[in-house]
Amino acid sequence: MTLGEKIRHARKSCNLSQVGLAEKLCVSRSAIAKWETDKGVPDVENLKYLSRLLNVSVDYLLNDDD
């Protein structure tokens, strides 16, 4: 599973829309869409916030072995 797929899966598990997640992270919805389609990657700070908001570890997001 790619980083984008993991973000999308975790976001949906938390019943968050892309807009809802973007608002919580103070980023644009298009940034979330880019991350979820692997056309961009969140910076380190946003990775930490994502892990907290989505109840997953940074290791889970970044690790290829799931």
N, C-alpha and C. Protein backbone atom coordinates (compact mmCIF):
# COMPACT_ATOMS: atom_id res chain seq x y z
N MET A 1 0.85 -1.17 0.00
CA MET A 1 0.00 0.00 0.00
C MET A 1 0.91 1.24 0.00
N THR A 2 0.58 2.21 -0.83
CA THR A 2 1.38 3.43 -0.90
C THR A 2 1.02 4.38 0.24
N LEU A 3 1.83 5.40 0.42
CA LEU A 3 1.55 6.41 1.44
C LEU A 3 0.17 7.02 1.18
N GLY A 4 -0.10 7.36 -0.05
CA GLY A 4 -1.39 7.96 -0.39
C GLY A 4 -2.57 7.06 -0.07
N GLU A 5 -2.43 5.79 -0.38
CA GLU A 5 -3.50 4.83 -0.09
C GLU A 5 -3.71 4.71 1.42
N LYS A 6 -2.62 4.74 2.18
CA LYS A 6 -2.74 4.65 3.64
C LYS A 6 -3.42 5.89 4.21
N ILE A 7 -3.07 7.06 3.69
CA ILE A 7 -3.72 8.29 4.15
C ILE A 7 -5.21 8.25 3.85
N ARG A 8 -5.56 7.87 2.62
CA ARG A 8 -6.97 7.81 2.22
C ARG A 8 -7.74 6.81 3.08
N HIS A 9 -7.17 5.63 3.28
CA HIS A 9 -7.82 4.59 4.07
C HIS A 9 -8.03 5.06 5.51
N ALA A 10 -6.99 5.63 6.11
CA ALA A 10 -7.10 6.09 7.50
C ALA A 10 -8.09 7.25 7.61
N ARG A 11 -8.09 8.14 6.63
CA ARG A 11 -9.03 9.27 6.64
C ARG A 11 -10.46 8.77 6.60
N LYS A 12 -10.72 7.82 5.72
CA LYS A 12 -12.08 7.28 5.60
C LYS A 12 -12.48 6.52 6.86
N SER A 13 -11.53 5.84 7.49
CA SER A 13 -11.81 5.12 8.73
C SER A 13 -12.21 6.08 9.85
N CYS A 14 -11.74 7.32 9.77
CA CYS A 14 -12.08 8.34 10.76
C CYS A 14 -13.30 9.16 10.33
N ASN A 15 -13.94 8.74 9.23
CA ASN A 15 -15.12 9.45 8.70
C ASN A 15 -14.85 10.92 8.44
N LEU A 16 -13.69 11.19 7.86
CA LEU A 16 -13.33 12.55 7.49
C LEU A 16 -13.34 12.69 5.98
N SER A 17 -13.82 13.82 5.50
CA SER A 17 -13.72 14.13 4.08
C SER A 17 -12.34 14.75 3.84
N GLN A 18 -11.97 14.90 2.58
CA GLN A 18 -10.72 15.58 2.26
C GLN A 18 -10.78 17.02 2.78
N VAL A 19 -11.92 17.66 2.63
CA VAL A 19 -12.09 19.03 3.11
C VAL A 19 -11.94 19.08 4.63
N GLY A 20 -12.57 18.15 5.33
CA GLY A 20 -12.48 18.11 6.78
C GLY A 20 -11.06 17.92 7.27
N LEU A 21 -10.34 17.01 6.63
CA LEU A 21 -8.94 16.78 7.02
C LEU A 21 -8.10 18.00 6.70
N ALA A 22 -8.33 18.59 5.55
CA ALA A 22 -7.58 19.79 5.15
C ALA A 22 -7.77 20.91 6.16
N GLU A 23 -9.01 21.09 6.61
CA GLU A 23 -9.28 22.15 7.59
C GLU A 23 -8.55 21.89 8.90
N LYS A 24 -8.51 20.64 9.34
CA LYS A 24 -7.83 20.31 10.59
C LYS A 24 -6.32 20.51 10.48
N LEU A 25 -5.77 20.30 9.28
CA LEU A 25 -4.33 20.45 9.08
C LEU A 25 -3.94 21.84 8.61
N CYS A 26 -4.93 22.68 8.32
CA CYS A 26 -4.67 24.03 7.77
C CYS A 26 -3.92 23.97 6.45
N VAL A 27 -4.34 23.05 5.59
CA VAL A 27 -3.82 22.94 4.23
C VAL A 27 -5.02 22.95 3.28
N SER A 28 -4.75 23.01 1.99
CA SER A 28 -5.84 23.01 1.03
C SER A 28 -6.35 21.60 0.77
N ARG A 29 -7.59 21.50 0.28
CA ARG A 29 -8.13 20.20 -0.08
C ARG A 29 -7.29 19.59 -1.20
N SER A 30 -6.79 20.43 -2.10
CA SER A 30 -5.98 19.90 -3.20
C SER A 30 -4.68 19.29 -2.69
N ALA A 31 -4.15 19.80 -1.58
CA ALA A 31 -2.95 19.19 -1.00
C ALA A 31 -3.26 17.77 -0.54
N ILE A 32 -4.41 17.60 0.11
CA ILE A 32 -4.82 16.25 0.55
C ILE A 32 -4.99 15.34 -0.66
N ALA A 33 -5.63 15.85 -1.70
CA ALA A 33 -5.84 15.05 -2.91
C ALA A 33 -4.51 14.64 -3.53
N LYS A 34 -3.54 15.54 -3.56
CA LYS A 34 -2.22 15.20 -4.11
C LYS A 34 -1.55 14.12 -3.28
N TRP A 35 -1.65 14.25 -1.94
CA TRP A 35 -1.03 13.23 -1.09
C TRP A 35 -1.68 11.88 -1.33
N GLU A 36 -3.01 11.86 -1.44
CA GLU A 36 -3.73 10.60 -1.58
C GLU A 36 -3.53 9.95 -2.95
N THR A 37 -3.13 10.73 -3.93
CA THR A 37 -2.88 10.17 -5.27
C THR A 37 -1.38 10.03 -5.54
N ASP A 38 -0.59 10.18 -4.49
CA ASP A 38 0.87 10.04 -4.58
C ASP A 38 1.50 11.01 -5.57
N LYS A 39 0.89 12.18 -5.73
CA LYS A 39 1.46 13.22 -6.59
C LYS A 39 2.18 14.27 -5.76
N GLY A 40 2.20 14.07 -4.47
CA GLY A 40 2.90 14.93 -3.53
C GLY A 40 3.01 14.21 -2.21
N VAL A 41 3.87 14.71 -1.34
CA VAL A 41 4.01 14.10 -0.02
C VAL A 41 3.95 15.19 1.05
N PRO A 42 3.35 14.87 2.18
CA PRO A 42 3.30 15.85 3.26
C PRO A 42 4.69 16.05 3.87
N ASP A 43 4.93 17.25 4.37
CA ASP A 43 6.20 17.49 5.05
C ASP A 43 6.17 16.79 6.41
N VAL A 44 7.30 16.83 7.10
CA VAL A 44 7.44 16.09 8.35
C VAL A 44 6.40 16.53 9.38
N GLU A 45 6.20 17.84 9.52
CA GLU A 45 5.22 18.32 10.49
C GLU A 45 3.83 17.83 10.17
N ASN A 46 3.44 17.88 8.90
CA ASN A 46 2.11 17.39 8.52
C ASN A 46 1.99 15.89 8.70
N LEU A 47 3.08 15.16 8.50
CA LEU A 47 3.04 13.71 8.77
C LEU A 47 2.74 13.45 10.24
N LYS A 48 3.36 14.23 11.12
CA LYS A 48 3.11 14.05 12.55
C LYS A 48 1.65 14.38 12.88
N TYR A 49 1.13 15.48 12.32
CA TYR A 49 -0.27 15.84 12.56
C TYR A 49 -1.21 14.79 11.99
N LEU A 50 -0.90 14.30 10.79
CA LEU A 50 -1.73 13.25 10.18
C LEU A 50 -1.80 12.03 11.08
N SER A 51 -0.66 11.61 11.60
CA SER A 51 -0.65 10.39 12.42
C SER A 51 -1.52 10.57 13.66
N ARG A 52 -1.48 11.76 14.25
CA ARG A 52 -2.32 12.02 15.44
C ARG A 52 -3.79 12.08 15.07
N LEU A 53 -4.11 12.83 14.03
CA LEU A 53 -5.51 13.00 13.63
C LEU A 53 -6.16 11.69 13.17
N LEU A 54 -5.37 10.86 12.49
CA LEU A 54 -5.91 9.63 11.90
C LEU A 54 -5.68 8.40 12.77
N ASN A 55 -5.09 8.61 13.94
CA ASN A 55 -4.85 7.50 14.89
C ASN A 55 -4.01 6.38 14.30
N VAL A 56 -2.97 6.77 13.58
CA VAL A 56 -2.00 5.80 13.05
C VAL A 56 -0.61 6.33 13.37
N SER A 57 0.38 5.46 13.31
CA SER A 57 1.74 5.91 13.59
C SER A 57 2.39 6.46 12.32
N VAL A 58 3.40 7.29 12.51
CA VAL A 58 4.18 7.77 11.38
C VAL A 58 4.85 6.58 10.70
N ASP A 59 5.30 5.61 11.50
CA ASP A 59 5.91 4.39 10.95
C ASP A 59 4.95 3.69 10.01
N TYR A 60 3.69 3.57 10.41
CA TYR A 60 2.68 2.93 9.54
C TYR A 60 2.58 3.66 8.22
N LEU A 61 2.54 4.98 8.28
CA LEU A 61 2.40 5.77 7.05
C LEU A 61 3.60 5.60 6.13
N LEU A 62 4.78 5.57 6.69
CA LEU A 62 6.00 5.57 5.88
C LEU A 62 6.55 4.18 5.54
N ASN A 63 6.19 3.19 6.34
CA ASN A 63 6.74 1.85 6.16
C ASN A 63 6.10 1.13 4.99
N ASP A 64 6.92 0.54 4.13
CA ASP A 64 6.41 -0.22 2.98
C ASP A 64 5.88 -1.59 3.38
N ASP A 65 6.30 -2.10 4.52
CA ASP A 65 5.90 -3.44 4.97
C ASP A 65 4.66 -3.34 5.83
N ASP A 66 3.46 -3.47 5.21
CA ASP A 66 2.27 -3.42 6.06
C ASP A 66 1.63 -4.72 6.18
